[in-house]
Amino acid sequence: PVAQATRYQRRVARRSRLSQNVVQLVFEALASTMSTQLKKGDRIALVGFGSFSVSARAVQTGRNPQTGKEIRIAAKNVVRFTAGADLSKKVN
């Protein structure tokens, strides 16, 4: 199941003994800062957790599943996440 950000914010607030408002501000600042840095082309590494980077996806040819007609899928940048060793160990 996918947990919403507010659920994580409540958990972090409880665990860190910070108010939920403070945690929400930190989440928003983190998301904003990371977005800005990724847009600039920077790689973000959170040691023990993982790294975020941007990759260019080339133009692709797809197919409309209803009509079978070929369609052009535009090129775009996509965010990539690679899990760190510590995170991978904790999940497995």
N, C-alpha and C. Protein backbone atom coordinates (compact mmCIF):
# COMPACT_ATOMS: atom_id res chain seq x y z
N PRO A 1 0.81 -1.20 0.00
CA PRO A 1 0.00 0.00 0.00
C PRO A 1 0.86 1.27 0.00
N VAL A 2 0.36 2.27 -0.65
CA VAL A 2 1.05 3.55 -0.73
C VAL A 2 0.60 4.44 0.43
N ALA A 3 1.55 4.93 1.19
CA ALA A 3 1.23 5.81 2.31
C ALA A 3 1.35 7.26 1.85
N GLN A 4 0.42 8.07 2.26
CA GLN A 4 0.44 9.47 1.90
C GLN A 4 1.48 10.22 2.73
N ALA A 5 1.89 11.38 2.20
CA ALA A 5 2.92 12.18 2.88
C ALA A 5 2.50 12.53 4.30
N THR A 6 1.21 12.83 4.50
CA THR A 6 0.77 13.22 5.85
C THR A 6 0.97 12.09 6.85
N ARG A 7 0.81 10.86 6.40
CA ARG A 7 1.03 9.72 7.28
C ARG A 7 2.50 9.65 7.70
N TYR A 8 3.41 9.85 6.73
CA TYR A 8 4.84 9.85 7.04
C TYR A 8 5.19 11.03 7.95
N GLN A 9 4.58 12.17 7.69
CA GLN A 9 4.85 13.34 8.52
C GLN A 9 4.45 13.08 9.97
N ARG A 10 3.31 12.43 10.18
CA ARG A 10 2.88 12.09 11.55
C ARG A 10 3.89 11.15 12.20
N ARG A 11 4.33 10.14 11.44
CA ARG A 11 5.29 9.18 11.99
C ARG A 11 6.61 9.84 12.36
N VAL A 12 7.09 10.71 11.47
CA VAL A 12 8.35 11.42 11.73
C VAL A 12 8.19 12.35 12.93
N ALA A 13 7.05 13.02 13.01
CA ALA A 13 6.79 13.92 14.15
C ALA A 13 6.83 13.15 15.46
N ARG A 14 6.17 12.00 15.50
CA ARG A 14 6.17 11.19 16.72
C ARG A 14 7.57 10.72 17.07
N ARG A 15 8.27 10.19 16.08
CA ARG A 15 9.59 9.62 16.32
C ARG A 15 10.63 10.68 16.71
N SER A 16 10.51 11.88 16.12
CA SER A 16 11.50 12.93 16.37
C SER A 16 11.09 13.88 17.49
N ARG A 17 9.85 13.74 17.95
CA ARG A 17 9.29 14.61 18.99
C ARG A 17 9.25 16.08 18.55
N LEU A 18 9.06 16.28 17.25
CA LEU A 18 8.85 17.61 16.69
C LEU A 18 7.37 17.75 16.38
N SER A 19 6.90 18.97 16.27
CA SER A 19 5.49 19.16 15.94
C SER A 19 5.26 18.75 14.48
N GLN A 20 4.03 18.38 14.19
CA GLN A 20 3.70 17.98 12.83
C GLN A 20 3.86 19.15 11.87
N ASN A 21 3.61 20.38 12.35
CA ASN A 21 3.79 21.56 11.50
C ASN A 21 5.24 21.75 11.11
N VAL A 22 6.14 21.55 12.05
CA VAL A 22 7.57 21.68 11.76
C VAL A 22 7.99 20.61 10.75
N VAL A 23 7.55 19.39 10.98
CA VAL A 23 7.90 18.30 10.07
C VAL A 23 7.35 18.58 8.68
N GLN A 24 6.14 19.11 8.58
CA GLN A 24 5.56 19.43 7.27
C GLN A 24 6.41 20.48 6.56
N LEU A 25 6.86 21.50 7.30
CA LEU A 25 7.72 22.53 6.70
C LEU A 25 9.03 21.93 6.19
N VAL A 26 9.59 21.00 6.96
CA VAL A 26 10.83 20.35 6.55
C VAL A 26 10.60 19.52 5.28
N PHE A 27 9.51 18.76 5.24
CA PHE A 27 9.19 17.96 4.05
C PHE A 27 9.06 18.86 2.83
N GLU A 28 8.33 19.98 2.98
CA GLU A 28 8.12 20.90 1.85
C GLU A 28 9.44 21.52 1.40
N ALA A 29 10.29 21.92 2.36
CA ALA A 29 11.58 22.51 2.02
C ALA A 29 12.48 21.49 1.33
N LEU A 30 12.46 20.26 1.82
CA LEU A 30 13.27 19.20 1.22
C LEU A 30 12.83 18.93 -0.22
N ALA A 31 11.52 18.81 -0.43
CA ALA A 31 11.00 18.55 -1.78
C ALA A 31 11.32 19.70 -2.73
N SER A 32 11.16 20.91 -2.25
CA SER A 32 11.43 22.09 -3.08
C SER A 32 12.91 22.19 -3.44
N THR A 33 13.77 22.00 -2.46
CA THR A 33 15.21 22.08 -2.68
C THR A 33 15.68 20.98 -3.62
N MET A 34 15.20 19.77 -3.39
CA MET A 34 15.60 18.65 -4.25
C MET A 34 15.13 18.88 -5.68
N SER A 35 13.92 19.36 -5.85
CA SER A 35 13.39 19.62 -7.20
C SER A 35 14.25 20.64 -7.93
N THR A 36 14.60 21.70 -7.22
CA THR A 36 15.42 22.76 -7.82
C THR A 36 16.79 22.21 -8.25
N GLN A 37 17.41 21.45 -7.37
CA GLN A 37 18.74 20.91 -7.67
C GLN A 37 18.68 19.90 -8.82
N LEU A 38 17.67 19.05 -8.83
CA LEU A 38 17.54 18.08 -9.92
C LEU A 38 17.29 18.78 -11.25
N LYS A 39 16.50 19.84 -11.22
CA LYS A 39 16.23 20.60 -12.45
C LYS A 39 17.52 21.19 -13.02
N LYS A 40 18.46 21.56 -12.13
CA LYS A 40 19.75 22.09 -12.56
C LYS A 40 20.67 21.00 -13.09
N GLY A 41 20.29 19.73 -12.89
CA GLY A 41 21.10 18.62 -13.36
C GLY A 41 21.98 18.01 -12.29
N ASP A 42 21.83 18.48 -11.04
CA ASP A 42 22.64 17.93 -9.96
C ASP A 42 22.17 16.52 -9.58
N ARG A 43 23.09 15.76 -9.03
CA ARG A 43 22.77 14.45 -8.46
C ARG A 43 22.70 14.63 -6.96
N ILE A 44 21.70 14.05 -6.32
CA ILE A 44 21.53 14.17 -4.88
C ILE A 44 21.77 12.81 -4.24
N ALA A 45 22.77 12.74 -3.36
CA ALA A 45 23.10 11.49 -2.69
C ALA A 45 22.80 11.63 -1.20
N LEU A 46 21.94 10.77 -0.69
CA LEU A 46 21.64 10.69 0.74
C LEU A 46 22.31 9.41 1.23
N VAL A 47 23.46 9.56 1.84
CA VAL A 47 24.29 8.41 2.22
C VAL A 47 23.48 7.43 3.08
N GLY A 48 23.52 6.17 2.67
CA GLY A 48 22.79 5.13 3.38
C GLY A 48 21.37 4.95 2.90
N PHE A 49 20.84 5.95 2.22
CA PHE A 49 19.46 5.86 1.72
C PHE A 49 19.43 5.62 0.22
N GLY A 50 20.06 6.51 -0.54
CA GLY A 50 20.08 6.34 -1.99
C GLY A 50 20.41 7.64 -2.68
N SER A 51 20.33 7.62 -4.00
CA SER A 51 20.64 8.82 -4.77
C SER A 51 19.58 9.07 -5.83
N PHE A 52 19.38 10.35 -6.10
CA PHE A 52 18.43 10.81 -7.11
C PHE A 52 19.22 11.49 -8.22
N SER A 53 18.81 11.27 -9.45
CA SER A 53 19.45 11.93 -10.58
C SER A 53 18.41 12.10 -11.69
N VAL A 54 18.77 12.87 -12.70
CA VAL A 54 17.88 13.10 -13.83
C VAL A 54 18.51 12.46 -15.06
N SER A 55 17.70 11.73 -15.82
CA SER A 55 18.14 11.11 -17.06
C SER A 55 17.26 11.61 -18.20
N ALA A 56 17.86 11.75 -19.36
CA ALA A 56 17.09 12.16 -20.54
C ALA A 56 16.51 10.91 -21.19
N ARG A 57 15.23 10.95 -21.44
CA ARG A 57 14.57 9.85 -22.15
C ARG A 57 14.35 10.30 -23.59
N ALA A 58 14.83 9.54 -24.54
CA ALA A 58 14.74 9.89 -25.96
C ALA A 58 13.31 9.75 -26.47
N VAL A 59 13.07 10.32 -27.64
CA VAL A 59 11.77 10.17 -28.31
C VAL A 59 11.54 8.68 -28.53
N GLN A 60 10.30 8.24 -28.29
CA GLN A 60 9.98 6.83 -28.47
C GLN A 60 8.74 6.70 -29.36
N THR A 61 8.61 5.55 -29.97
CA THR A 61 7.41 5.24 -30.72
C THR A 61 6.59 4.28 -29.89
N GLY A 62 5.34 4.65 -29.66
CA GLY A 62 4.44 3.79 -28.89
C GLY A 62 3.27 3.37 -29.76
N ARG A 63 2.31 2.74 -29.13
CA ARG A 63 1.14 2.28 -29.87
C ARG A 63 -0.11 2.54 -29.03
N ASN A 64 -1.12 3.13 -29.67
CA ASN A 64 -2.40 3.35 -29.02
C ASN A 64 -3.06 1.98 -28.85
N PRO A 65 -3.33 1.54 -27.62
CA PRO A 65 -3.87 0.19 -27.41
C PRO A 65 -5.29 0.01 -27.96
N GLN A 66 -6.03 1.09 -28.12
CA GLN A 66 -7.40 0.98 -28.63
C GLN A 66 -7.45 0.86 -30.15
N THR A 67 -6.58 1.64 -30.83
CA THR A 67 -6.63 1.66 -32.29
C THR A 67 -5.48 0.89 -32.93
N GLY A 68 -4.41 0.67 -32.18
CA GLY A 68 -3.23 0.01 -32.73
C GLY A 68 -2.35 0.96 -33.53
N LYS A 69 -2.75 2.22 -33.64
CA LYS A 69 -2.01 3.21 -34.41
C LYS A 69 -0.74 3.61 -33.67
N GLU A 70 0.36 3.77 -34.42
CA GLU A 70 1.62 4.20 -33.82
C GLU A 70 1.50 5.66 -33.41
N ILE A 71 2.11 5.98 -32.25
CA ILE A 71 2.13 7.36 -31.78
C ILE A 71 3.55 7.72 -31.38
N ARG A 72 3.85 9.02 -31.43
CA ARG A 72 5.18 9.50 -31.05
C ARG A 72 5.11 9.95 -29.60
N ILE A 73 6.01 9.43 -28.79
CA ILE A 73 6.10 9.82 -27.38
C ILE A 73 7.28 10.77 -27.28
N ALA A 74 7.01 11.99 -26.83
CA ALA A 74 8.03 13.04 -26.79
C ALA A 74 9.17 12.70 -25.85
N ALA A 75 10.34 13.27 -26.16
CA ALA A 75 11.49 13.15 -25.28
C ALA A 75 11.22 13.93 -24.00
N LYS A 76 11.77 13.45 -22.89
CA LYS A 76 11.60 14.17 -21.63
C LYS A 76 12.66 13.74 -20.63
N ASN A 77 12.79 14.54 -19.58
CA ASN A 77 13.69 14.19 -18.48
C ASN A 77 12.91 13.42 -17.44
N VAL A 78 13.53 12.40 -16.87
CA VAL A 78 12.89 11.60 -15.83
C VAL A 78 13.81 11.52 -14.61
N VAL A 79 13.20 11.45 -13.43
CA VAL A 79 13.97 11.32 -12.20
C VAL A 79 14.24 9.84 -11.93
N ARG A 80 15.46 9.55 -11.61
CA ARG A 80 15.86 8.18 -11.29
C ARG A 80 16.25 8.11 -9.82
N PHE A 81 15.92 6.99 -9.18
CA PHE A 81 16.33 6.76 -7.80
C PHE A 81 17.06 5.43 -7.75
N THR A 82 18.21 5.44 -7.10
CA THR A 82 18.97 4.22 -6.89
C THR A 82 19.13 4.04 -5.38
N ALA A 83 18.63 2.93 -4.88
CA ALA A 83 18.68 2.66 -3.44
C ALA A 83 20.13 2.43 -3.00
N GLY A 84 20.45 2.95 -1.82
CA GLY A 84 21.77 2.73 -1.24
C GLY A 84 21.88 1.35 -0.62
N ALA A 85 23.07 0.95 -0.29
CA ALA A 85 23.31 -0.38 0.27
C ALA A 85 22.56 -0.59 1.58
N ASP A 86 22.58 0.42 2.47
CA ASP A 86 21.89 0.27 3.77
C ASP A 86 20.39 0.09 3.58
N LEU A 87 19.80 0.87 2.72
CA LEU A 87 18.35 0.75 2.47
C LEU A 87 18.04 -0.62 1.88
N SER A 88 18.83 -1.05 0.94
CA SER A 88 18.61 -2.36 0.33
C SER A 88 18.68 -3.48 1.35
N LYS A 89 19.62 -3.40 2.27
CA LYS A 89 19.74 -4.43 3.32
C LYS A 89 18.51 -4.43 4.23
N LYS A 90 18.01 -3.24 4.58
CA LYS A 90 16.87 -3.15 5.48
C LYS A 90 15.59 -3.67 4.84
N VAL A 91 15.49 -3.55 3.53
CA VAL A 91 14.28 -4.01 2.83
C VAL A 91 14.28 -5.51 2.63
N ASN A 92 15.45 -6.09 2.46
CA ASN A 92 15.54 -7.53 2.19
C ASN A 92 15.78 -8.34 3.42
